[in-house]
């Protein structure tokens, strides 16, 4: 029958229209800010720095390698490397950023800084309510504002954060196993050297080497030469 398809399409439209008033999952209006739609796991806005533990300085994962600063397309990251070092998550002394600034008025949320970071130190935040009254200094986030705990990272990206923690734990375990193996090898070498030093040394005389036939206490026989 001609027009059946149009009637079926209009029925679907009518059903969706009526359902948008009664079905909560189909409601398109949210009473913001009292009501908020949950953000998906992969939502990203601006970068932030992760620290482990309770001390943002001691637990900061960033080692000021400046890869993110070099790879940032809009060049909105500014880093100054420290003069001293602090231990990282595997106990290795590393530099840290004395200054780490991100200009969020320039940041394009491309996540390239996250992709190139080899230390899992910088991730993308979900906080989008960052409007300010001034355009310049208030939109420049310092290291203190950028530092967030690993617990916060687990809260906003639980699946990703769990995978990152596993990778870091595996790396720390591998480093500890390598360190233990090196220590055991060094101990074996030291023990071998100590055993060699304690062993008595034997000096072989030329007569013994040639095979003397004299009895103990007697002089060795004289050798004669034919003319």
N, C-alpha and C. Protein backbone atom coordinates (compact mmCIF):
# COMPACT_ATOMS: atom_id res chain seq x y z
N UNK A 1 0.85 -1.20 0.00
CA UNK A 1 0.00 0.00 0.00
C UNK A 1 0.88 1.24 0.00
N UNK A 2 0.57 2.17 -0.83
CA UNK A 2 1.36 3.39 -0.93
C UNK A 2 1.19 4.22 0.34
N UNK A 3 2.32 4.68 0.87
CA UNK A 3 2.29 5.52 2.07
C UNK A 3 2.46 4.76 3.36
N UNK A 4 2.58 3.41 3.31
CA UNK A 4 2.77 2.62 4.54
C UNK A 4 4.07 2.97 5.23
N UNK A 5 5.14 3.13 4.45
CA UNK A 5 6.45 3.46 5.04
C UNK A 5 6.43 4.79 5.76
N UNK A 6 5.71 5.75 5.18
CA UNK A 6 5.62 7.07 5.82
C UNK A 6 4.88 6.95 7.15
N UNK A 7 3.81 6.17 7.18
CA UNK A 7 3.04 6.00 8.42
C UNK A 7 3.88 5.31 9.50
N UNK A 8 4.66 4.29 9.09
CA UNK A 8 5.52 3.61 10.07
C UNK A 8 6.58 4.57 10.61
N UNK A 9 7.16 5.38 9.75
CA UNK A 9 8.16 6.35 10.21
C UNK A 9 7.57 7.38 11.15
N UNK A 10 6.38 7.86 10.85
CA UNK A 10 5.72 8.83 11.73
C UNK A 10 5.36 8.20 13.07
N UNK A 11 5.03 6.88 13.07
CA UNK A 11 4.73 6.20 14.33
C UNK A 11 5.97 6.14 15.21
N UNK A 12 7.12 5.87 14.61
CA UNK A 12 8.37 5.85 15.38
C UNK A 12 8.66 7.24 15.94
N UNK A 13 8.46 8.26 15.11
CA UNK A 13 8.69 9.63 15.57
C UNK A 13 7.76 9.99 16.72
N UNK A 14 6.49 9.61 16.61
CA UNK A 14 5.52 9.90 17.66
C UNK A 14 5.88 9.17 18.94
N UNK A 15 6.31 7.90 18.81
CA UNK A 15 6.67 7.13 20.00
C UNK A 15 7.88 7.76 20.71
N UNK A 16 8.86 8.17 19.95
CA UNK A 16 10.03 8.82 20.55
C UNK A 16 9.67 10.16 21.18
N UNK A 17 8.79 10.89 20.51
CA UNK A 17 8.37 12.19 21.03
C UNK A 17 7.64 12.03 22.36
N UNK A 18 6.72 11.08 22.42
CA UNK A 18 5.97 10.86 23.67
C UNK A 18 6.87 10.30 24.76
N UNK A 19 7.80 9.40 24.37
CA UNK A 19 8.69 8.81 25.37
C UNK A 19 9.66 9.79 25.97
N UNK A 20 9.97 10.87 25.27
CA UNK A 20 10.91 11.86 25.81
C UNK A 20 10.33 12.62 26.99
N UNK A 21 9.02 12.50 27.21
CA UNK A 21 8.39 13.17 28.34
C UNK A 21 8.24 12.25 29.55
N UNK A 22 8.31 10.94 29.34
CA UNK A 22 8.03 10.01 30.42
C UNK A 22 9.21 9.07 30.74
N UNK A 23 9.98 8.68 29.73
CA UNK A 23 11.11 7.77 29.93
C UNK A 23 12.33 8.58 30.36
N UNK A 24 12.85 8.28 31.56
CA UNK A 24 13.95 9.08 32.10
C UNK A 24 15.21 8.97 31.23
N UNK A 25 15.43 7.79 30.64
CA UNK A 25 16.61 7.62 29.81
C UNK A 25 16.52 8.41 28.51
N UNK A 26 15.31 8.83 28.14
CA UNK A 26 15.13 9.56 26.88
C UNK A 26 14.97 11.06 27.10
N UNK A 27 14.99 11.49 28.34
CA UNK A 27 14.87 12.92 28.60
C UNK A 27 16.09 13.65 28.07
N UNK A 28 15.89 14.70 27.35
CA UNK A 28 17.00 15.43 26.74
C UNK A 28 17.35 16.70 27.52
N UNK A 29 16.54 17.06 28.49
CA UNK A 29 16.78 18.27 29.27
C UNK A 29 17.27 17.88 30.66
N UNK A 30 18.38 18.46 31.08
CA UNK A 30 18.95 18.22 32.40
C UNK A 30 18.97 19.55 33.15
N UNK A 31 18.50 19.53 34.38
CA UNK A 31 18.46 20.75 35.19
C UNK A 31 19.84 21.04 35.77
N UNK A 32 20.74 21.48 34.89
CA UNK A 32 22.12 21.80 35.30
C UNK A 32 22.12 23.13 36.05
N UNK A 33 22.88 23.30 37.13
CA UNK A 33 23.90 22.37 37.66
C UNK A 33 23.40 21.43 38.75
N UNK A 34 22.12 21.51 39.10
CA UNK A 34 21.61 20.59 40.11
C UNK A 34 21.69 19.14 39.61
N UNK A 35 21.41 18.92 38.34
CA UNK A 35 21.50 17.60 37.74
C UNK A 35 22.64 17.58 36.73
N UNK A 36 23.35 16.47 36.69
CA UNK A 36 24.49 16.35 35.77
C UNK A 36 24.48 14.97 35.13
N UNK A 37 24.68 14.94 33.85
CA UNK A 37 24.83 13.65 33.16
C UNK A 37 26.21 13.07 33.47
N UNK A 38 26.30 11.78 33.72
CA UNK A 38 27.61 11.17 33.98
C UNK A 38 28.48 11.23 32.72
N UNK A 39 29.76 11.55 32.93
CA UNK A 39 30.69 11.63 31.81
C UNK A 39 31.24 10.24 31.49
N UNK A 40 31.43 9.93 30.23
CA UNK A 40 31.97 8.61 29.87
C UNK A 40 33.41 8.44 30.31
N UNK A 41 33.87 7.19 30.34
CA UNK A 41 35.23 6.86 30.78
C UNK A 41 36.29 7.58 29.96
N UNK A 42 36.09 7.69 28.66
CA UNK A 42 37.10 8.25 27.77
C UNK A 42 36.98 9.76 27.58
N UNK A 43 36.11 10.41 28.34
CA UNK A 43 36.00 11.86 28.22
C UNK A 43 37.29 12.52 28.68
N UNK A 44 37.73 13.54 27.97
CA UNK A 44 38.95 14.24 28.35
C UNK A 44 38.76 15.74 28.17
N UNK A 45 39.46 16.49 29.02
CA UNK A 45 39.37 17.94 28.92
C UNK A 45 40.76 18.56 28.91
N UNK A 46 41.37 18.77 30.09
CA UNK A 46 42.70 19.34 30.17
C UNK A 46 43.62 18.41 30.96
N UNK A 47 44.92 18.51 30.75
CA UNK A 47 45.86 17.60 31.45
C UNK A 47 46.02 17.95 32.93
N UNK A 48 46.46 16.94 33.69
CA UNK A 48 46.85 17.15 35.08
C UNK A 48 47.99 16.20 35.40
N UNK A 49 48.72 16.46 36.48
CA UNK A 49 49.87 15.66 36.90
C UNK A 49 49.47 14.73 38.03
N UNK A 50 49.99 13.52 38.02
CA UNK A 50 49.64 12.51 39.03
C UNK A 50 50.77 12.40 40.04
N UNK A 51 50.39 12.30 41.31
CA UNK A 51 51.37 11.97 42.36
C UNK A 51 50.85 10.79 43.17
N UNK A 52 51.78 9.98 43.66
CA UNK A 52 51.45 8.82 44.49
C UNK A 52 51.60 9.19 45.96
N UNK A 53 50.76 8.62 46.81
CA UNK A 53 50.83 8.90 48.24
C UNK A 53 50.08 10.18 48.59
N UNK A 54 50.55 10.84 49.65
CA UNK A 54 49.88 12.04 50.15
C UNK A 54 50.66 13.32 49.91
N UNK A 55 51.93 13.21 49.50
CA UNK A 55 52.77 14.38 49.29
C UNK A 55 52.86 14.68 47.80
N UNK A 56 52.31 15.81 47.34
CA UNK A 56 52.37 16.13 45.90
C UNK A 56 53.78 16.31 45.38
N UNK A 57 54.70 16.70 46.25
CA UNK A 57 56.09 16.91 45.79
C UNK A 57 56.86 15.60 45.77
N UNK A 58 56.84 14.88 46.88
CA UNK A 58 57.62 13.64 46.96
C UNK A 58 57.08 12.56 46.05
N UNK A 59 55.77 12.51 45.84
CA UNK A 59 55.17 11.45 45.05
C UNK A 59 54.92 11.78 43.60
N UNK A 60 55.32 12.98 43.16
CA UNK A 60 55.06 13.38 41.78
C UNK A 60 55.81 12.47 40.81
N UNK A 61 55.10 11.91 39.84
CA UNK A 61 55.71 10.97 38.89
C UNK A 61 56.55 11.67 37.83
N UNK A 62 56.26 12.91 37.55
CA UNK A 62 56.96 13.64 36.50
C UNK A 62 58.44 13.79 36.85
N UNK A 63 59.33 13.50 35.88
CA UNK A 63 60.78 13.62 36.07
C UNK A 63 61.36 14.75 35.23
N UNK A 64 60.50 15.62 34.73
CA UNK A 64 60.94 16.80 33.96
C UNK A 64 61.76 16.42 32.74
N UNK A 65 61.35 15.35 32.05
CA UNK A 65 62.06 14.97 30.82
C UNK A 65 61.75 15.92 29.67
N UNK A 66 60.68 16.70 29.80
CA UNK A 66 60.30 17.76 28.85
C UNK A 66 59.86 17.23 27.48
N UNK A 67 59.54 15.93 27.40
CA UNK A 67 59.05 15.40 26.14
C UNK A 67 57.68 16.00 25.80
N UNK A 68 56.81 16.11 26.80
CA UNK A 68 55.49 16.67 26.54
C UNK A 68 55.58 18.13 26.10
N UNK A 69 56.52 18.86 26.67
CA UNK A 69 56.71 20.27 26.28
C UNK A 69 57.13 20.37 24.81
N UNK A 70 58.00 19.46 24.38
CA UNK A 70 58.49 19.51 23.00
C UNK A 70 57.44 19.03 22.00
N UNK A 71 56.61 18.06 22.41
CA UNK A 71 55.64 17.47 21.49
C UNK A 71 54.31 18.21 21.47
N UNK A 72 54.07 19.12 22.39
CA UNK A 72 52.79 19.82 22.46
C UNK A 72 52.58 20.69 21.21
N UNK A 73 51.53 20.45 20.42
CA UNK A 73 51.32 21.23 19.18
C UNK A 73 51.15 22.73 19.43
N UNK A 74 50.31 23.17 20.38
CA UNK A 74 50.18 24.62 20.59
C UNK A 74 51.24 25.22 21.52
N UNK A 75 52.17 24.37 22.02
CA UNK A 75 53.25 24.85 22.89
C UNK A 75 52.70 25.58 24.12
N UNK A 76 51.77 24.91 24.82
CA UNK A 76 51.15 25.53 25.99
C UNK A 76 51.74 25.01 27.30
N UNK A 77 52.77 24.13 27.23
CA UNK A 77 53.40 23.56 28.42
C UNK A 77 54.77 24.19 28.61
N UNK A 78 55.06 24.60 29.83
CA UNK A 78 56.35 25.23 30.15
C UNK A 78 56.94 24.51 31.37
N UNK A 79 58.16 23.98 31.22
CA UNK A 79 58.80 23.18 32.28
C UNK A 79 60.20 23.69 32.55
N UNK A 80 60.57 23.77 33.83
CA UNK A 80 61.94 24.04 34.25
C UNK A 80 62.39 22.87 35.12
N UNK A 81 63.49 22.23 34.74
CA UNK A 81 63.99 21.06 35.46
C UNK A 81 64.67 21.48 36.77
N UNK A 82 64.52 20.65 37.79
CA UNK A 82 65.12 20.93 39.09
C UNK A 82 66.64 20.73 39.04
N UNK A 83 67.33 21.26 40.05
CA UNK A 83 68.77 21.09 40.17
C UNK A 83 69.13 19.82 40.94
N UNK A 84 68.27 19.42 41.89
CA UNK A 84 68.52 18.21 42.68
C UNK A 84 67.63 17.08 42.18
N UNK A 85 67.72 15.93 42.84
CA UNK A 85 66.96 14.75 42.44
C UNK A 85 66.19 14.19 43.63
N UNK A 86 65.16 13.39 43.32
CA UNK A 86 64.40 12.66 44.33
C UNK A 86 64.11 11.27 43.77
N UNK A 87 63.92 10.25 44.64
CA UNK A 87 63.67 8.89 44.14
C UNK A 87 62.30 8.77 43.49
N UNK A 88 62.23 7.98 42.39
CA UNK A 88 60.96 7.76 41.73
C UNK A 88 60.29 6.52 42.30
N UNK A 89 59.30 5.95 41.58
CA UNK A 89 58.51 4.83 42.11
C UNK A 89 59.31 3.54 42.23
N UNK A 90 60.48 3.44 41.57
CA UNK A 90 61.33 2.26 41.72
C UNK A 90 62.57 2.57 42.56
N UNK A 91 62.61 3.76 43.15
CA UNK A 91 63.73 4.12 44.01
C UNK A 91 64.91 4.74 43.30
N UNK A 92 64.80 4.98 42.00
CA UNK A 92 65.91 5.55 41.24
C UNK A 92 65.86 7.08 41.34
N UNK A 93 66.98 7.72 41.69
CA UNK A 93 66.98 9.20 41.77
C UNK A 93 66.66 9.83 40.42
N UNK A 94 65.71 10.74 40.42
CA UNK A 94 65.28 11.40 39.19
C UNK A 94 65.11 12.90 39.44
N UNK A 95 65.26 13.67 38.37
CA UNK A 95 64.92 15.08 38.46
C UNK A 95 63.41 15.24 38.57
N UNK A 96 62.97 16.41 38.94
CA UNK A 96 61.55 16.71 39.01
C UNK A 96 61.33 18.14 38.51
N UNK A 97 60.11 18.49 38.12
CA UNK A 97 59.89 19.84 37.59
C UNK A 97 59.85 20.89 38.70
N UNK A 98 60.79 21.81 38.65
CA UNK A 98 60.72 22.94 39.58
C UNK A 98 59.57 23.86 39.19
N UNK A 99 59.31 23.95 37.88
CA UNK A 99 58.18 24.71 37.34
C UNK A 99 57.48 23.86 36.30
N UNK A 100 56.18 23.76 36.39
CA UNK A 100 55.38 23.05 35.38
C UNK A 100 54.09 23.83 35.20
N UNK A 101 53.97 24.55 34.09
CA UNK A 101 52.80 25.38 33.81
C UNK A 101 52.10 24.91 32.55
N UNK A 102 50.78 24.98 32.54
CA UNK A 102 49.97 24.71 31.35
C UNK A 102 48.99 25.86 31.17
N UNK A 103 49.01 26.45 30.00
CA UNK A 103 48.08 27.52 29.67
C UNK A 103 46.83 26.88 29.06
N UNK A 104 45.77 26.77 29.86
CA UNK A 104 44.57 26.08 29.37
C UNK A 104 43.79 26.92 28.37
N UNK A 105 44.12 28.21 28.25
CA UNK A 105 43.47 29.01 27.21
C UNK A 105 44.00 28.68 25.83
N UNK A 106 45.15 27.99 25.78
CA UNK A 106 45.77 27.61 24.50
C UNK A 106 45.63 26.11 24.26
N UNK A 107 45.56 25.32 25.34
CA UNK A 107 45.51 23.86 25.22
C UNK A 107 44.33 23.42 24.35
N UNK A 108 44.62 22.49 23.41
CA UNK A 108 43.59 22.00 22.50
C UNK A 108 43.08 20.63 22.90
N UNK A 109 43.45 20.12 24.08
CA UNK A 109 42.97 18.84 24.60
C UNK A 109 43.21 17.69 23.63
N UNK A 110 44.37 17.69 22.98
CA UNK A 110 44.66 16.68 21.98
C UNK A 110 45.17 15.38 22.60
N UNK A 111 45.65 15.41 23.85
CA UNK A 111 46.13 14.25 24.59
C UNK A 111 47.49 13.74 24.08
N UNK A 112 48.18 14.48 23.25
CA UNK A 112 49.50 14.06 22.78
C UNK A 112 50.48 14.01 23.94
N UNK A 113 50.37 14.93 24.88
CA UNK A 113 51.27 14.92 26.05
C UNK A 113 51.12 13.63 26.84
N UNK A 114 49.90 13.10 26.91
CA UNK A 114 49.66 11.84 27.62
C UNK A 114 50.27 10.67 26.87
N UNK A 115 50.14 10.69 25.55
CA UNK A 115 50.61 9.57 24.74
C UNK A 115 52.13 9.46 24.76
N UNK A 116 52.85 10.58 24.82
CA UNK A 116 54.31 10.55 24.73
C UNK A 116 54.99 10.41 26.09
N UNK A 117 54.25 10.57 27.19
CA UNK A 117 54.87 10.51 28.52
C UNK A 117 55.27 9.07 28.85
N UNK A 118 56.57 8.79 29.09
CA UNK A 118 57.00 7.42 29.38
C UNK A 118 56.85 7.04 30.85
N UNK A 119 56.44 7.96 31.70
CA UNK A 119 56.38 7.70 33.14
C UNK A 119 54.96 7.71 33.68
N UNK A 120 53.95 7.73 32.81
CA UNK A 120 52.53 7.75 33.23
C UNK A 120 52.28 8.88 34.22
N UNK A 121 52.89 10.05 33.96
CA UNK A 121 52.84 11.15 34.91
C UNK A 121 51.77 12.17 34.59
N UNK A 122 51.32 12.24 33.35
CA UNK A 122 50.34 13.25 32.96
C UNK A 122 49.15 12.56 32.30
N UNK A 123 47.95 12.93 32.74
CA UNK A 123 46.72 12.34 32.22
C UNK A 123 45.70 13.44 31.96
N UNK A 124 44.59 13.06 31.33
CA UNK A 124 43.56 14.03 30.99
C UNK A 124 42.48 14.06 32.06
N UNK A 125 42.11 15.25 32.45
CA UNK A 125 41.10 15.44 33.48
C UNK A 125 39.70 15.47 32.86
N UNK A 126 38.69 15.42 33.73
CA UNK A 126 37.30 15.53 33.29
C UNK A 126 36.65 16.83 33.74
N UNK A 127 37.39 17.66 34.44
CA UNK A 127 36.85 18.91 34.97
C UNK A 127 36.72 19.93 33.83
N UNK A 128 35.49 20.32 33.53
CA UNK A 128 35.27 21.27 32.43
C UNK A 128 34.78 22.62 32.92
N UNK A 129 34.51 22.75 34.21
CA UNK A 129 34.02 24.02 34.75
C UNK A 129 35.21 24.88 35.18
N UNK A 130 35.88 25.45 34.21
CA UNK A 130 37.11 26.19 34.46
C UNK A 130 37.03 27.64 34.01
N UNK A 131 35.83 28.16 33.86
CA UNK A 131 35.70 29.54 33.40
C UNK A 131 36.20 30.52 34.47
N UNK A 132 36.86 31.58 34.01
CA UNK A 132 37.43 32.59 34.90
C UNK A 132 36.98 33.97 34.43
N UNK A 133 37.11 34.93 35.32
CA UNK A 133 36.74 36.30 34.97
C UNK A 133 37.84 36.98 34.14
N UNK A 134 39.10 36.61 34.41
CA UNK A 134 40.21 37.19 33.66
C UNK A 134 40.70 36.20 32.61
N UNK A 135 41.32 36.71 31.56
CA UNK A 135 41.72 35.87 30.45
C UNK A 135 43.13 35.30 30.61
N UNK A 136 44.01 35.96 31.34
CA UNK A 136 45.42 35.64 31.23
C UNK A 136 45.93 34.81 32.41
N UNK A 137 46.35 35.42 33.49
CA UNK A 137 47.04 34.69 34.55
C UNK A 137 46.16 33.62 35.19
N UNK A 138 44.87 33.84 35.29
CA UNK A 138 43.99 32.86 35.92
C UNK A 138 43.80 31.61 35.07
N UNK A 139 44.13 31.68 33.80
CA UNK A 139 44.04 30.52 32.92
C UNK A 139 45.38 29.81 32.76
N UNK A 140 46.39 30.26 33.51
CA UNK A 140 47.69 29.60 33.52
C UNK A 140 47.78 28.74 34.79
N UNK A 141 47.71 27.43 34.64
CA UNK A 141 47.70 26.52 35.78
C UNK A 141 49.13 26.15 36.16
N UNK A 142 49.45 26.34 37.43
CA UNK A 142 50.78 26.01 37.95
C UNK A 142 50.84 24.55 38.39
N UNK A 143 52.05 24.14 38.79
CA UNK A 143 52.24 22.75 39.21
C UNK A 143 51.35 22.39 40.39
N UNK A 144 51.17 23.31 41.30
CA UNK A 144 50.34 23.05 42.48
C UNK A 144 48.88 22.81 42.10
N UNK A 145 48.40 23.54 41.09
CA UNK A 145 47.02 23.35 40.64
C UNK A 145 46.85 22.10 39.78
N UNK A 146 47.91 21.73 39.09
CA UNK A 146 47.84 20.58 38.20
C UNK A 146 48.00 19.25 38.93
N UNK A 147 48.61 19.25 40.11
CA UNK A 147 48.91 18.01 40.81
C UNK A 147 47.65 17.41 41.41
N UNK A 148 47.36 16.17 41.05
CA UNK A 148 46.22 15.42 41.58
C UNK A 148 46.70 14.03 42.01
N UNK A 149 46.08 13.49 43.03
CA UNK A 149 46.50 12.19 43.58
C UNK A 149 46.10 11.05 42.65
N UNK A 150 46.74 9.90 42.85
CA UNK A 150 46.39 8.72 42.08
C UNK A 150 44.97 8.24 42.41
N UNK A 151 44.52 8.50 43.63
CA UNK A 151 43.14 8.17 44.00
C UNK A 151 42.14 8.96 43.15
N UNK A 152 42.45 10.21 42.89
CA UNK A 152 41.59 11.02 42.03
C UNK A 152 41.57 10.46 40.62
N UNK A 153 42.74 10.02 40.15
CA UNK A 153 42.83 9.41 38.82
C UNK A 153 41.96 8.15 38.73
N UNK A 154 41.97 7.34 39.80
CA UNK A 154 41.13 6.14 39.84
C UNK A 154 39.64 6.51 39.86
N UNK A 155 39.33 7.63 40.43
CA UNK A 155 37.93 8.05 40.54
C UNK A 155 37.37 8.45 39.18
N UNK A 156 38.16 9.15 38.37
CA UNK A 156 37.63 9.65 37.10
C UNK A 156 37.89 8.68 35.93
N UNK A 157 38.96 7.88 36.02
CA UNK A 157 39.27 6.90 34.96
C UNK A 157 39.61 5.55 35.61
N UNK A 158 38.65 4.86 36.19
CA UNK A 158 38.96 3.65 36.97
C UNK A 158 39.61 2.53 36.16
N UNK A 159 39.12 2.28 34.95
CA UNK A 159 39.66 1.18 34.15
C UNK A 159 41.08 1.50 33.71
N UNK A 160 41.27 2.69 33.19
CA UNK A 160 42.60 3.11 32.72
C UNK A 160 43.60 3.16 33.87
N UNK A 161 43.19 3.70 35.01
CA UNK A 161 44.10 3.83 36.16
C UNK A 161 44.53 2.47 36.69
N UNK A 162 43.63 1.50 36.68
CA UNK A 162 43.99 0.15 37.14
C UNK A 162 45.04 -0.47 36.23
N UNK A 163 44.88 -0.29 34.92
CA UNK A 163 45.87 -0.81 33.97
C UNK A 163 47.22 -0.13 34.15
N UNK A 164 47.21 1.18 34.38
CA UNK A 164 48.46 1.92 34.58
C UNK A 164 49.17 1.45 35.85
N UNK A 165 48.42 1.26 36.94
CA UNK A 165 49.02 0.78 38.19
C UNK A 165 49.65 -0.59 38.00
N UNK A 166 49.01 -1.45 37.24
CA UNK A 166 49.55 -2.78 36.99
C UNK A 166 50.87 -2.69 36.22
N UNK A 167 50.91 -1.83 35.20
CA UNK A 167 52.14 -1.66 34.43
C UNK A 167 53.28 -1.12 35.28
N UNK A 168 52.98 -0.16 36.14
CA UNK A 168 54.00 0.39 37.01
C UNK A 168 54.48 -0.64 38.04
N UNK A 169 53.54 -1.44 38.56
CA UNK A 169 53.92 -2.47 39.52
C UNK A 169 54.80 -3.53 38.86
N UNK A 170 54.46 -3.91 37.62
CA UNK A 170 55.29 -4.88 36.90
C UNK A 170 56.68 -4.32 36.63
N UNK A 171 56.75 -3.05 36.27
CA UNK A 171 58.05 -2.43 36.02
C UNK A 171 58.88 -2.37 37.30
N UNK A 172 58.23 -2.04 38.42
CA UNK A 172 58.95 -1.99 39.69
C UNK A 172 59.43 -3.37 40.11
N UNK A 173 58.59 -4.40 39.89
CA UNK A 173 58.99 -5.76 40.23
C UNK A 173 60.15 -6.23 39.35
N UNK A 174 60.11 -5.89 38.06
CA UNK A 174 61.21 -6.26 37.16
C UNK A 174 62.51 -5.57 37.57
N UNK A 175 62.42 -4.31 37.95
CA UNK A 175 63.61 -3.59 38.39
C UNK A 175 64.17 -4.18 39.68
N UNK A 176 63.28 -4.57 40.59
CA UNK A 176 63.72 -5.17 41.86
C UNK A 176 64.36 -6.53 41.60
N UNK A 177 63.79 -7.33 40.70
CA UNK A 177 64.37 -8.63 40.37
C UNK A 177 65.74 -8.47 39.71
N UNK A 178 65.87 -7.50 38.83
CA UNK A 178 67.16 -7.23 38.19
C UNK A 178 68.20 -6.79 39.21
N UNK A 179 67.78 -5.96 40.15
CA UNK A 179 68.69 -5.50 41.19
C UNK A 179 69.12 -6.66 42.08
N UNK A 180 68.18 -7.55 42.41
CA UNK A 180 68.49 -8.71 43.24
C UNK A 180 69.45 -9.66 42.53
N UNK A 181 69.23 -9.88 41.24
CA UNK A 181 70.11 -10.75 40.46
C UNK A 181 71.52 -10.18 40.39
N UNK A 182 71.62 -8.86 40.19
CA UNK A 182 72.93 -8.23 40.14
C UNK A 182 73.64 -8.32 41.49
N UNK A 183 72.88 -8.18 42.59
CA UNK A 183 73.48 -8.29 43.91
C UNK A 183 73.98 -9.71 44.18
N UNK A 184 73.20 -10.72 43.76
CA UNK A 184 73.63 -12.11 43.95
C UNK A 184 74.88 -12.42 43.12
N UNK A 185 74.93 -11.91 41.88
CA UNK A 185 76.11 -12.12 41.05
C UNK A 185 77.34 -11.46 41.65
N UNK A 186 77.19 -10.26 42.18
CA UNK A 186 78.30 -9.56 42.81
C UNK A 186 78.77 -10.31 44.06
N UNK A 187 77.83 -10.87 44.82
CA UNK A 187 78.20 -11.63 46.01
C UNK A 187 78.98 -12.89 45.64
N UNK A 188 78.58 -13.57 44.57
CA UNK A 188 79.31 -14.76 44.12
C UNK A 188 80.72 -14.41 43.68
N UNK A 189 80.87 -13.31 42.96
CA UNK A 189 82.21 -12.89 42.51
C UNK A 189 83.08 -12.53 43.70
N UNK A 190 82.50 -11.84 44.68
CA UNK A 190 83.27 -11.49 45.87
C UNK A 190 83.69 -12.73 46.66
N UNK A 191 82.77 -13.73 46.75
CA UNK A 191 83.10 -14.97 47.46
C UNK A 191 84.20 -15.73 46.73
N UNK A 192 84.17 -15.75 45.40
CA UNK A 192 85.21 -16.43 44.64
C UNK A 192 86.56 -15.76 44.83
N UNK A 193 86.58 -14.43 44.85
CA UNK A 193 87.83 -13.71 45.07
C UNK A 193 88.37 -13.96 46.47
N UNK A 194 87.48 -14.01 47.46
CA UNK A 194 87.91 -14.26 48.84
C UNK A 194 88.48 -15.67 48.98
N UNK A 195 87.86 -16.67 48.33
CA UNK A 195 88.36 -18.04 48.39
C UNK A 195 89.71 -18.17 47.70
N UNK A 196 89.88 -17.45 46.59
CA UNK A 196 91.17 -17.49 45.89
C UNK A 196 92.28 -16.83 46.72
N UNK A 197 91.94 -15.80 47.47
CA UNK A 197 92.94 -15.12 48.29
C UNK A 197 93.36 -15.97 49.48
N UNK A 198 92.46 -16.80 50.02
CA UNK A 198 92.77 -17.63 51.18
C UNK A 198 93.47 -18.93 50.81
N UNK A 199 93.44 -19.35 49.55
CA UNK A 199 94.06 -20.61 49.15
C UNK A 199 95.58 -20.48 49.21
N UNK A 200 96.36 -21.54 49.77
CA UNK A 200 97.83 -21.47 49.85
C UNK A 200 98.44 -21.54 48.46
N UNK A 201 99.51 -20.76 48.31
CA UNK A 201 100.20 -20.74 47.01
C UNK A 201 101.35 -21.75 47.03
N UNK A 202 101.59 -22.52 45.98
CA UNK A 202 102.64 -23.54 45.86
C UNK A 202 103.68 -23.08 44.85
N UNK A 203 104.95 -23.06 45.31
CA UNK A 203 106.04 -22.64 44.43
C UNK A 203 106.78 -23.88 43.96
N UNK A 204 106.90 -24.09 42.71
CA UNK A 204 107.57 -25.26 42.12
C UNK A 204 108.99 -24.86 41.72
N UNK A 205 109.98 -25.57 42.31
CA UNK A 205 111.38 -25.29 41.98
C UNK A 205 111.71 -25.87 40.62
N UNK A 206 112.79 -25.35 40.00
CA UNK A 206 113.19 -25.90 38.69
C UNK A 206 113.54 -27.36 38.75
N UNK A 207 114.12 -27.82 39.89
CA UNK A 207 114.48 -29.22 40.02
C UNK A 207 113.24 -30.10 40.05
N UNK A 208 112.23 -29.64 40.78
CA UNK A 208 110.99 -30.41 40.85
C UNK A 208 110.31 -30.46 39.49
N UNK A 209 110.41 -29.34 38.77
CA UNK A 209 109.77 -29.31 37.46
C UNK A 209 110.47 -30.24 36.49
N UNK A 210 111.83 -30.39 36.66
CA UNK A 210 112.57 -31.26 35.74
C UNK A 210 112.50 -32.72 36.14
N UNK A 211 112.11 -32.98 37.38
CA UNK A 211 112.02 -34.35 37.88
C UNK A 211 113.34 -34.79 38.50
N UNK A 212 113.66 -34.38 39.75
CA UNK A 212 114.91 -34.73 40.43
C UNK A 212 114.87 -36.17 40.93
N UNK A 213 116.06 -36.87 40.87
CA UNK A 213 116.18 -38.26 41.35
C UNK A 213 116.92 -38.35 42.67
N UNK A 214 117.28 -37.23 43.26
CA UNK A 214 118.01 -37.25 44.53
C UNK A 214 117.07 -37.50 45.67
N UNK A 215 117.64 -38.08 46.73
CA UNK A 215 116.83 -38.33 47.93
C UNK A 215 116.75 -37.07 48.75
N UNK A 216 115.80 -37.00 49.64
CA UNK A 216 115.67 -35.80 50.47
C UNK A 216 116.93 -35.58 51.29
N UNK A 217 117.40 -34.35 51.35
CA UNK A 217 118.59 -33.98 52.13
C UNK A 217 119.86 -34.06 51.33
N UNK A 218 119.88 -34.67 50.15
CA UNK A 218 121.08 -34.78 49.31
C UNK A 218 121.03 -33.77 48.18
N UNK A 219 122.24 -33.40 47.73
CA UNK A 219 122.31 -32.46 46.63
C UNK A 219 121.95 -33.17 45.35
N UNK A 220 121.38 -32.51 44.41
CA UNK A 220 121.01 -33.14 43.15
C UNK A 220 122.26 -33.53 42.37
N UNK A 221 122.21 -34.59 41.57
CA UNK A 221 123.38 -35.03 40.82
C UNK A 221 123.80 -34.02 39.79
N UNK A 222 125.18 -33.97 39.58
CA UNK A 222 125.70 -33.04 38.62
C UNK A 222 125.43 -33.53 37.22
N UNK A 223 125.21 -32.59 36.36
CA UNK A 223 124.96 -32.94 34.96
C UNK A 223 126.24 -32.82 34.19
N UNK A 224 126.50 -33.79 33.29
CA UNK A 224 127.72 -33.79 32.48
C UNK A 224 127.36 -33.50 31.03
N UNK A 225 128.27 -32.84 30.39
CA UNK A 225 128.08 -32.48 29.00
C UNK A 225 129.14 -33.16 28.15
N UNK A 226 128.80 -33.65 27.03
CA UNK A 226 129.76 -34.28 26.13
C UNK A 226 130.34 -33.23 25.23
N UNK A 227 131.71 -33.33 25.09
CA UNK A 227 132.39 -32.41 24.20
C UNK A 227 132.39 -32.95 22.80
